[in-house]
Each structure stands twice: as C-alpha cells, then as structure tokens.
Amino acid sequence: MKIVLVSLLLISPVISVRTDGDDSIPPEPKSRFAMLDDVQLLANGLLHLGHGLKDFAIKTKGQMDDIFQKLNIFDRSFYEISQQTNEIKEEEEQLKKITSKLQANNEEIRNASLELNSKIEVLSQEKIQLQDQVGRLEEKLIKLFQMQLEVQQPEELVSLKRSSPGFQDDKQILFPSKEDETRNIKLNRTSKLQDHTGNATDCTWIYNRGERSSGIYSIKPKGSKPFNVYCEMKRDSSWTVIQNRSDGSLDFNQTWENYLNGFGNLGGEFWLGLHKIYSIVDQADYLLRIELEDWKANKRYIEYTITIGGPETDYTILLFRITGNIPNALPEQKEIKFSTKDHRNNTERKLSCPESDSGGWWYSACGETNLNGKYIRTSSKGKLQKRRKGLYWKPQNGRPYLLKSTKLMIHPTDFENFE
C-alpha cells in the first residue's frame, strides 16, 4: 500500500506542472520521449503497487490459514464436547434407571421389613401364649402328680385284695377310684369357693359366672365382709389383682395399718390389703403370679404356689416357684413375716429394711427384691446403695433390674381339666 501511495505522489506533480504550463506557456508540440518517461514512471508505480498487493495477499492468506486452523481446532473441540455431552446424557439416563430400580427395591425391602416385623410381633404374641400354656400345663402336671401320690394304693392293700375276694367292694367304699377322687376334689373346690348365699368369693368365681371384661367387681370371701377387687380377665381364666404399680403416682412407704386395710385406687396404683388378701387365699390353694416390665418394655412373669398366714403370724408368706420366664428373686420354702416402717419383722436387727427399702414387704434380708419400694425412673442416677430404695427385681445371682411396672395377682389352683 505504501508503494502505491508513493507512485501516486510522484505522478501528481507531473500532472500539476502540465496543467500550470498550459496556462502560462504556449503549447508546444509534445515530445515522444516525454510520454515514454511518463509511461515508465506509471509502470514503475503499478509494479510497486502490484508487489504491495502481492505481499498483502500473501500476508492475508497466512492470517486466513491461521484463522482456518483455529476454526478446525474449535470444531474438533466442539465435537469432542458434544460427544462428552451425549455420553453424560446417556450416563444420566442410566443413573435415572438405576435410581428407579433402587427405589423399587427399597420399597420392596421396606414392605418386606414391615411384613417381617408384623410376623415377628405375631410370633412374639404366640410365644407368650405358648409360655402361658406351658406354665399352666406344668402347674397341672404338678397337681396331677400330687393327686396320684394321694390316691396311690399301699402295697398292703394290694396283698389284702388278693387274699380277700370280698375286699374289692369294701375297697371301693373306703378307697374311691382315681376318677371318683378327682370328681370329689372338683366338688369340694367348687363348694369351698362358693359362698352359701351365692356371692362371688374371688375373680375366678366371677369369670365362671360369665364375665369376660377386666374391671372392678365386688366379692365376699368366706367369713369376710364384701369388698371391691380388680379382676384381670385373661383368655381362659381370671386373676384377682392384689398389687399394681405403673407410674409412681402412689407412695408405697405406708404404715402397718394402711398395709393391713389397703390403699390406693383400684383403677390405678394400689395395694389390696393384707387382711383382704388373706381372706381370699385362706379359702383354697392359690397361685401367685407376678408380672414385671422394665424400662426397655421387656415383659416377664413368674408364678408361685402361695400360702399366707393369719394376723397372729403377721401374715407370714410361704412361696414355691412352679413356672415363669424370669429367674427367681424371692425366698422359697421359707416362712417370712410382713414388715413395714412402723412394724418391723426382718431378721436384720441393725437395719430396718422397710425404712432403707422405702416400703412394706416380706423381708428375709435387707437389699433383696422389693416390689413395694420407691418408684425410681431411669433418669435417676446413683450407686447400688441408692437403688436399693427403688422398685427392682434382684435374682439370687446378678444385679438388680429397675422396673417400670409390677402386678401381683392370685388365682386358685385348677383341677377342672384333670380328667
């Protein structure tokens, strides 16, 4: 471009001189050689212009090549990005499909888990029912064994039977058969538990009368005045509740007089009363059932044969364990008197168990199981000495377990199914 401009600048003065000469000098005949000089000058200018254009074209071509090269690189990059984008989209679709499958599998697992939990709950209920049935069967087997011992014929009677032909008839009169003996036991038990006026003597009598709803009923044990009790109706039996604790709303650190007559509300926490308990148990052979629940909602039970003495013995208790799904924590085959903070009968003279354990109970030694102790929640902290004042169950070997609820119930021994 610079060469072109220089050529134009060189040509311009020549043209200008000629124009000026036309005005001041008269025209002369044009020289042939002068025209050749102009043509040569113009040719040189055009040559320079051509070289400039050529250089510009070469330079522009190089720039265009660079641009095209960059465009090719950009195209390749764009293509690669497009491929990566497509791959990402495909992977995203696969992830969506996998997520859908996982959600479906998760739903199936959740449904299976719910179904499994439901089956476990059903099995747990069936286990509890089977344990109850096994417990009742064990009880009945023990009683049946006792009956067999009572009606077993001595060897002397067998030899006498062989030697005396007429002894068979006499034996039937003096020694009834096993079936007759069982029938007589049933009749004796029924007549013993039923008052002559037709009043209910315990919750079992009310159950046999047709009642099937748990609640408060009036009973009149033989030789006692009528009073109200809470009847726990189960599937095939009824139990008379003598103690219930569930929320700690009632203070069980009561006096001897209160433990004799009872305290609390039959619809909540209560102690039925030693005198009332004795009037029921004194009618026949009875079982004691203890139902326990700890603070982790674990439920257990244990059953004993129970014998309670009268007021002259300070309501001495005698227990013998027969069944249950928890280790024993009460003294067996040992007569123990009832004690309160103002009526002490425990064997340890240096320490008052009702005061240290915060409740009346049948104490053999301080620190044993006390189901009338102070109600302590799991948030309470302390060492074993402090927990001794709490409501707990302490097996012979092992640590005590704090309890959330307890229920003590009694029920007459049942011979009706031994036929």
Foldseek 3Di string as FASTA:
>chain_A
DVLLVVLVVVLVVVVVVVVVCVVPPPDDDDDPVVVVVSVVSNVSSVVVVVVVVVVVVVVVVVVVVVVVVVVVVVVVVVVVVVVVVVVVVVVVVVVVVVVVVVVVVVVVVVVVVVVVVVVVVVVVVVVVVVQVVVLLVLLLVVVVVVLCVVLPDDPVLVVVCVVDVPVVVVCCVVRPDSVVVLVVVVVVLVVLQADPVRFGQAVQSVVVVPDQDWAKDWGAFPPGDIDIFTWDHDDRGIWTWQFKAAAQPDFQQDDPVCQQCKDDDRVHGIGRHLVSVQSNCVSAWKKKKKWFAAPVRDIWIWMWTWDFDDVVQQGWIATDTRHIDDADQDDHRDTFHKDHPVRADEPDPVDGQNVQQRHIDRHPDHLTADQSARDDDPVDDDDSSNCSRHHWHDHPDDDTGGTNMMIMIMDHRDSPPPD
